[in-house]
Amino acid sequence: MKPIIPMFYYPLKALFVDDDKELLKAYHYLDLPNNVSVEHNPNQAVQEILNNVSKNICVFNDITEKSHTDSLTTNQEAILSFTFASIKELICDQDKYNKYGILVTDYQMGIMNGIKLCEHIGELDIIKILLTGEYNPLNAVSALNNNTIDYFLQKGKPTTTNELIESIRELQLKYFKNIAQNFLNMTDNKLSFLADKAFARLVNDLIKENNITEYYLLNNTGCFLMMGDGNIFVLNIFTDIDLDIFCDMYSHIATDLTRSVRLRQLVPNFELPSSQNLTEYFYPCKKFGKYYFNFSELKNLNILKVGK
């Protein structure tokens, strides 16, 4: 089962390398939400990446030597613990935007060509895009096939800029889907909704409509924290089973609210707050296929605190 929607997604920092300093200036104006840096010296670019590369993103903790009730056992008999607090820690980690996750390099450079540059950082988990000018495309295909690069496109065409932007977006999405794939493999597809086409269409429609540039899964029913244009939103998504379980568990908190949830008039927020004013944490319900959802701007940021 392959995920269509990743567990989380955010703009990775990009480094553009070219010995044409005037061209490098233009890369700062690309229509991307990513932090962008440029470098004209390939040797310096290698050092920049080695010193500031994005670490492998891991939302699991190895607790093989400890006892834990929410544990997962792999085929290697290691015990891994996962909680959504791990994703909340990722949300709060502002340094993640300053670690390189994307390299875009020209091929023809005097000191070192783009293929050699990519070979120098080949072991790192970073997206590598090669811009070819006079370079033989057959050689680029060879570099692609042996995983030296992830993508290549011809430099200097009228469509090059648009193709570059699109390739960055697609490869970045694939990068985070691969992380989600690892999770699904380790947990026997417990978050199978990530691979559901209807679920993905609902999420993707909201991403496009609201210019969302990053998002994070917050629980096992499919609720997401989403950010875009300086706004923070919460997308609460449930199935009939999810809502029935919620009503059974929380029928004691306020019968009128749980009754409205049973009638599918309201859906709850992704987790109950400590506030006594519960009504503000239940939202009008919309239906999309088998899913019930609400998409709202998030006002109470305290619920994002790790451990809450």
Protein backbone atom coordinates (compact mmCIF):
# COMPACT_ATOMS: atom_id res chain seq x y z
CA MET A 1 0.00 0.00 0.00
CA LYS A 2 1.57 3.27 -1.15
CA PRO A 3 0.69 6.61 0.46
CA ILE A 4 -0.84 9.33 -1.72
CA ILE A 5 -0.64 11.86 1.11
CA PRO A 6 2.46 11.94 3.33
CA MET A 7 2.28 12.07 7.13
CA PHE A 8 3.90 15.50 7.02
CA TYR A 9 5.27 17.90 4.44
CA TYR A 10 7.22 21.14 4.64
CA PRO A 11 9.51 23.15 2.31
CA LEU A 12 13.09 21.86 2.40
CA LYS A 13 15.92 24.36 2.08
CA ALA A 14 17.40 24.48 -1.44
CA LEU A 15 20.96 25.21 -2.55
CA PHE A 16 21.51 26.38 -6.15
CA VAL A 17 25.03 25.99 -7.55
CA ASP A 18 26.25 27.67 -10.74
CA ASP A 19 29.43 29.53 -11.71
CA ASP A 20 27.27 32.18 -13.39
CA LYS A 21 26.81 34.68 -10.55
CA GLU A 22 24.19 36.72 -12.42
CA LEU A 23 22.03 33.64 -12.93
CA LEU A 24 22.32 32.76 -9.25
CA LYS A 25 20.67 36.06 -8.33
CA ALA A 26 17.53 35.04 -10.24
CA TYR A 27 17.06 31.90 -8.14
CA HIS A 28 16.10 34.02 -5.14
CA TYR A 29 12.95 35.06 -7.01
CA LEU A 30 11.59 31.62 -7.88
CA ASP A 31 7.96 31.05 -6.90
CA LEU A 32 8.78 28.63 -4.10
CA PRO A 33 8.10 28.67 -0.34
CA ASN A 34 11.52 27.13 0.30
CA ASN A 35 14.46 28.92 1.87
CA VAL A 36 16.99 29.41 -0.93
CA SER A 37 20.78 29.78 -0.84
CA VAL A 38 23.18 30.08 -3.78
CA GLU A 39 26.85 29.22 -4.30
CA HIS A 40 29.13 29.76 -7.30
CA ASN A 41 31.98 27.55 -6.04
CA PRO A 42 31.19 23.79 -6.22
CA ASN A 43 33.79 22.91 -3.57
CA GLN A 44 32.23 25.40 -1.18
CA ALA A 45 28.80 24.01 -2.05
CA VAL A 46 29.90 20.53 -0.94
CA GLN A 47 31.06 21.92 2.41
CA GLU A 48 27.85 23.91 2.84
CA ILE A 49 25.77 20.78 2.36
CA LEU A 50 27.96 18.58 4.55
CA ASN A 51 27.74 21.12 7.37
CA ASN A 52 24.01 21.84 7.06
CA VAL A 53 22.30 18.85 5.50
CA SER A 54 18.81 17.87 6.62
CA LYS A 55 19.04 14.88 8.93
CA ASN A 56 16.96 11.79 8.32
CA ILE A 57 13.54 12.65 9.69
CA CYS A 58 12.52 10.07 12.24
CA VAL A 59 9.36 10.06 14.32
CA PHE A 60 10.23 6.77 16.00
CA ASN A 61 12.23 6.18 19.18
CA ASP A 62 14.18 2.97 19.72
CA ILE A 63 13.10 1.61 23.10
CA THR A 64 14.37 -1.95 22.69
CA GLU A 65 15.70 -1.95 26.25
CA LYS A 66 12.58 -0.41 27.76
CA SER A 67 9.01 -1.42 28.42
CA HIS A 68 6.38 0.55 26.52
CA THR A 69 2.72 -0.15 25.95
CA ASP A 70 2.54 1.62 22.56
CA SER A 71 5.38 -0.25 20.92
CA LEU A 72 5.94 -1.81 17.52
CA THR A 73 8.11 -4.85 16.92
CA THR A 74 9.95 -5.05 13.62
CA ASN A 75 11.26 -8.14 11.83
CA GLN A 76 14.65 -7.40 13.38
CA GLU A 77 13.03 -7.66 16.83
CA ALA A 78 13.87 -4.07 17.69
CA ILE A 79 11.13 -2.24 19.55
CA LEU A 80 10.14 1.17 18.22
CA SER A 81 7.85 3.65 19.89
CA PHE A 82 5.76 6.17 17.96
CA THR A 83 3.51 8.90 19.28
CA PHE A 84 2.08 11.96 17.60
CA ALA A 85 4.07 14.01 20.11
CA SER A 86 7.03 13.18 17.85
CA ILE A 87 5.36 15.03 14.98
CA LYS A 88 4.53 17.92 17.28
CA GLU A 89 8.22 18.19 18.08
CA LEU A 90 8.87 18.37 14.34
CA ILE A 91 6.27 21.15 13.99
CA CYS A 92 8.01 23.20 16.67
CA ASP A 93 11.50 22.64 15.23
CA GLN A 94 12.21 25.88 13.38
CA ASP A 95 15.72 24.75 12.49
CA LYS A 96 14.37 22.25 9.96
CA TYR A 97 13.85 25.07 7.45
CA ASN A 98 17.58 25.89 7.55
CA LYS A 99 18.88 22.40 6.69
CA TYR A 100 19.54 21.60 3.05
CA GLY A 101 17.23 19.01 1.52
CA ILE A 102 17.49 20.04 -2.16
CA LEU A 103 20.49 20.62 -4.43
CA VAL A 104 20.07 22.19 -7.88
CA THR A 105 23.35 22.29 -9.78
CA ASP A 106 24.54 23.27 -13.23
CA TYR A 107 26.62 20.68 -15.04
CA GLN A 108 29.27 22.78 -16.79
CA MET A 109 31.35 24.51 -14.13
CA GLY A 110 35.08 25.16 -14.30
CA ILE A 111 36.18 23.79 -10.92
CA MET A 112 33.93 20.74 -10.76
CA ASN A 113 31.04 19.57 -12.92
CA GLY A 114 27.59 18.95 -11.50
CA ILE A 115 27.83 15.15 -11.68
CA LYS A 116 31.03 15.15 -9.62
CA LEU A 117 29.41 17.49 -7.11
CA CYS A 118 26.47 15.09 -6.71
CA GLU A 119 28.86 12.15 -6.35
CA HIS A 120 30.59 13.93 -3.46
CA ILE A 121 27.32 14.07 -1.52
CA GLY A 122 25.90 10.81 -2.84
CA GLU A 123 25.44 9.18 0.57
CA LEU A 124 23.37 12.03 1.96
CA ASP A 125 19.58 12.04 1.98
CA ILE A 126 19.13 15.06 -0.29
CA ILE A 127 17.23 15.68 -3.53
CA LYS A 128 19.66 16.29 -6.41
CA ILE A 129 18.59 18.05 -9.62
CA LEU A 130 21.01 18.54 -12.53
CA LEU A 131 20.64 21.38 -15.04
CA THR A 132 22.17 20.40 -18.37
CA GLY A 133 23.39 22.84 -21.00
CA GLU A 134 25.68 21.30 -23.59
CA TYR A 135 25.94 18.14 -21.51
CA ASN A 136 25.07 14.89 -23.30
CA PRO A 137 21.58 13.88 -22.11
CA LEU A 138 22.57 10.20 -22.36
CA ASN A 139 25.15 10.76 -19.63
CA ALA A 140 22.50 12.46 -17.51
CA VAL A 141 20.26 9.42 -17.96
CA SER A 142 23.13 7.22 -16.77
CA ALA A 143 23.59 9.42 -13.67
CA LEU A 144 19.85 9.17 -13.05
CA ASN A 145 19.83 5.39 -13.38
CA ASN A 146 22.66 4.92 -10.90
CA ASN A 147 21.01 7.30 -8.40
CA THR A 148 23.73 9.94 -8.62
CA ILE A 149 20.96 12.44 -9.41
CA ASP A 150 17.19 12.38 -8.92
CA TYR A 151 16.18 14.48 -11.92
CA PHE A 152 17.65 16.45 -14.80
CA LEU A 153 16.34 19.06 -17.20
CA GLN A 154 17.78 21.10 -20.00
CA LYS A 155 19.03 24.55 -19.12
CA GLY A 156 18.15 27.63 -21.15
CA LYS A 157 14.76 26.67 -22.56
CA PRO A 158 11.79 29.06 -22.25
CA THR A 159 10.11 26.46 -20.04
CA THR A 160 13.13 25.68 -17.84
CA THR A 161 12.06 27.84 -14.89
CA ASN A 162 8.54 26.39 -14.72
CA GLU A 163 9.87 22.86 -15.14
CA LEU A 164 12.38 23.44 -12.36
CA ILE A 165 9.73 24.70 -9.95
CA GLU A 166 7.46 21.77 -10.77
CA SER A 167 10.27 19.22 -10.40
CA ILE A 168 11.19 20.62 -6.97
CA ARG A 169 7.58 20.33 -5.82
CA GLU A 170 7.16 16.80 -7.16
CA LEU A 171 10.46 15.48 -5.79
CA GLN A 172 9.83 17.10 -2.43
CA LEU A 173 6.42 15.42 -2.22
CA LYS A 174 7.99 12.08 -3.17
CA TYR A 175 10.62 12.60 -0.45
CA PHE A 176 7.95 12.87 2.25
CA LYS A 177 5.83 10.08 0.75
CA ASN A 178 8.82 7.77 1.14
CA ILE A 179 8.94 8.61 4.83
CA ALA A 180 5.24 7.79 5.13
CA GLN A 181 5.81 4.54 3.22
CA ASN A 182 8.37 3.46 5.80
CA PHE A 183 5.85 4.14 8.54
CA LEU A 184 3.09 2.18 6.83
CA ASN A 185 5.42 -0.76 6.35
CA MET A 186 6.40 -0.76 10.01
CA THR A 187 2.87 -0.51 11.37
CA ASP A 188 1.00 -2.88 9.06
CA ASN A 189 -0.74 -0.02 7.28
CA LYS A 190 -2.50 1.29 10.39
CA LEU A 191 -2.83 4.69 8.69
CA SER A 192 -4.27 3.26 5.49
CA PHE A 193 -6.31 6.41 4.85
CA LEU A 194 -3.06 8.01 3.61
CA ALA A 195 -3.39 5.75 0.57
CA ASP A 196 -7.12 6.33 0.06
CA LYS A 197 -7.89 8.24 -3.16
CA ALA A 198 -11.00 9.98 -1.81
CA PHE A 199 -9.15 11.05 1.34
CA ALA A 200 -6.27 12.35 -0.78
CA ARG A 201 -8.62 14.30 -3.06
CA LEU A 202 -10.24 16.03 -0.09
CA VAL A 203 -6.86 16.96 1.43
CA ASN A 204 -5.34 18.05 -1.89
CA ASP A 205 -8.34 20.22 -2.74
CA LEU A 206 -7.98 22.08 0.56
CA ILE A 207 -4.22 22.43 0.03
CA LYS A 208 -4.77 24.08 -3.36
CA GLU A 209 -7.69 26.26 -2.27
CA ASN A 210 -5.82 27.67 0.73
CA ASN A 211 -2.24 27.86 -0.63
CA ILE A 212 -1.01 25.40 1.98
CA THR A 213 2.78 25.01 1.99
CA GLU A 214 3.21 22.57 4.89
CA TYR A 215 1.08 20.14 6.86
CA TYR A 216 1.38 17.54 9.64
CA LEU A 217 -0.72 14.55 10.66
CA LEU A 218 -1.93 14.94 14.24
CA ASN A 219 -3.78 11.72 15.04
CA ASN A 220 -4.81 8.35 13.68
CA THR A 221 -8.14 9.47 12.21
CA GLY A 222 -6.54 11.77 9.62
CA CYS A 223 -6.56 15.22 11.23
CA PHE A 224 -3.90 17.63 9.97
CA LEU A 225 -2.33 20.87 11.05
CA MET A 226 -1.86 23.00 7.92
CA MET A 227 0.02 26.25 7.28
CA GLY A 228 -0.01 28.70 4.43
CA ASP A 229 0.06 32.45 3.74
CA GLY A 230 0.83 33.11 7.41
CA ASN A 231 -2.29 31.28 8.60
CA ILE A 232 -2.61 28.07 10.61
CA PHE A 233 -5.51 25.71 10.04
CA VAL A 234 -6.72 22.44 11.47
CA LEU A 235 -8.39 19.86 9.25
CA ASN A 236 -10.45 17.42 11.29
CA ILE A 237 -11.44 14.28 9.37
CA PHE A 238 -13.42 11.30 10.68
CA THR A 239 -15.32 8.25 9.47
CA ASP A 240 -18.57 6.96 10.97
CA ILE A 241 -16.58 4.50 13.06
CA ASP A 242 -14.30 7.24 14.40
CA LEU A 243 -17.24 9.42 15.44
CA ASP A 244 -19.15 6.56 17.05
CA ILE A 245 -16.10 5.63 19.10
CA PHE A 246 -15.66 9.26 20.13
CA CYS A 247 -19.28 9.49 21.30
CA ASP A 248 -18.98 6.27 23.31
CA MET A 249 -15.78 7.46 24.98
CA TYR A 250 -16.88 11.03 25.75
CA SER A 251 -20.62 10.79 26.26
CA HIS A 252 -20.12 12.05 29.82
CA ILE A 253 -18.64 15.44 28.87
CA ALA A 254 -21.74 17.08 27.37
CA THR A 255 -24.70 15.10 26.13
CA ASP A 256 -25.91 17.82 23.77
CA LEU A 257 -22.52 17.95 22.04
CA THR A 258 -22.12 14.19 21.69
CA ARG A 259 -25.71 13.99 20.45
CA SER A 260 -24.86 16.49 17.72
CA VAL A 261 -21.81 14.40 16.81
CA ARG A 262 -23.99 11.27 16.59
CA LEU A 263 -26.30 13.17 14.24
CA ARG A 264 -23.23 14.22 12.21
CA GLN A 265 -23.99 17.88 12.78
CA LEU A 266 -20.70 18.53 14.60
CA VAL A 267 -17.23 17.03 14.65
CA PRO A 268 -14.80 17.39 17.55
CA ASN A 269 -11.36 18.95 17.44
CA PHE A 270 -8.48 16.49 17.09
CA GLU A 271 -8.04 16.28 20.87
CA LEU A 272 -10.05 17.51 23.82
CA PRO A 273 -8.59 20.62 25.49
CA SER A 274 -8.24 21.33 29.16
CA SER A 275 -10.54 24.32 28.79
CA GLN A 276 -13.96 24.04 30.41
CA ASN A 277 -15.61 25.79 27.46
CA LEU A 278 -16.00 22.69 25.31
CA THR A 279 -18.39 24.17 22.77
CA GLU A 280 -15.62 26.08 20.98
CA TYR A 281 -13.86 22.77 20.26
CA PHE A 282 -16.72 21.32 18.21
CA TYR A 283 -17.16 22.45 14.62
CA PRO A 284 -19.91 22.25 11.98
CA CYS A 285 -19.68 19.03 10.03
CA LYS A 286 -19.29 18.63 6.26
CA LYS A 287 -19.46 15.37 4.35
CA PHE A 288 -17.13 14.18 1.60
CA GLY A 289 -17.82 10.60 0.53
CA LYS A 290 -17.39 8.42 3.62
CA TYR A 291 -15.57 11.20 5.48
CA TYR A 292 -16.90 13.91 7.82
CA PHE A 293 -14.69 16.94 8.17
CA ASN A 294 -14.23 20.53 9.18
CA PHE A 295 -11.49 22.90 8.03
CA SER A 296 -10.98 25.91 10.29
CA GLU A 297 -8.38 28.46 11.23
CA LEU A 298 -6.67 27.39 14.43
CA LYS A 299 -6.85 29.92 17.26
CA ASN A 300 -5.71 27.97 20.29
CA LEU A 301 -2.05 27.09 19.66
CA ASN A 302 -1.59 25.70 23.17
CA ILE A 303 -2.95 22.35 22.03
CA LEU A 304 0.20 21.90 19.94
CA LYS A 305 2.43 21.75 22.99
CA VAL A 306 4.26 18.45 23.21
CA GLY A 307 2.70 16.19 25.81
CA LYS A 308 -0.70 17.85 25.74
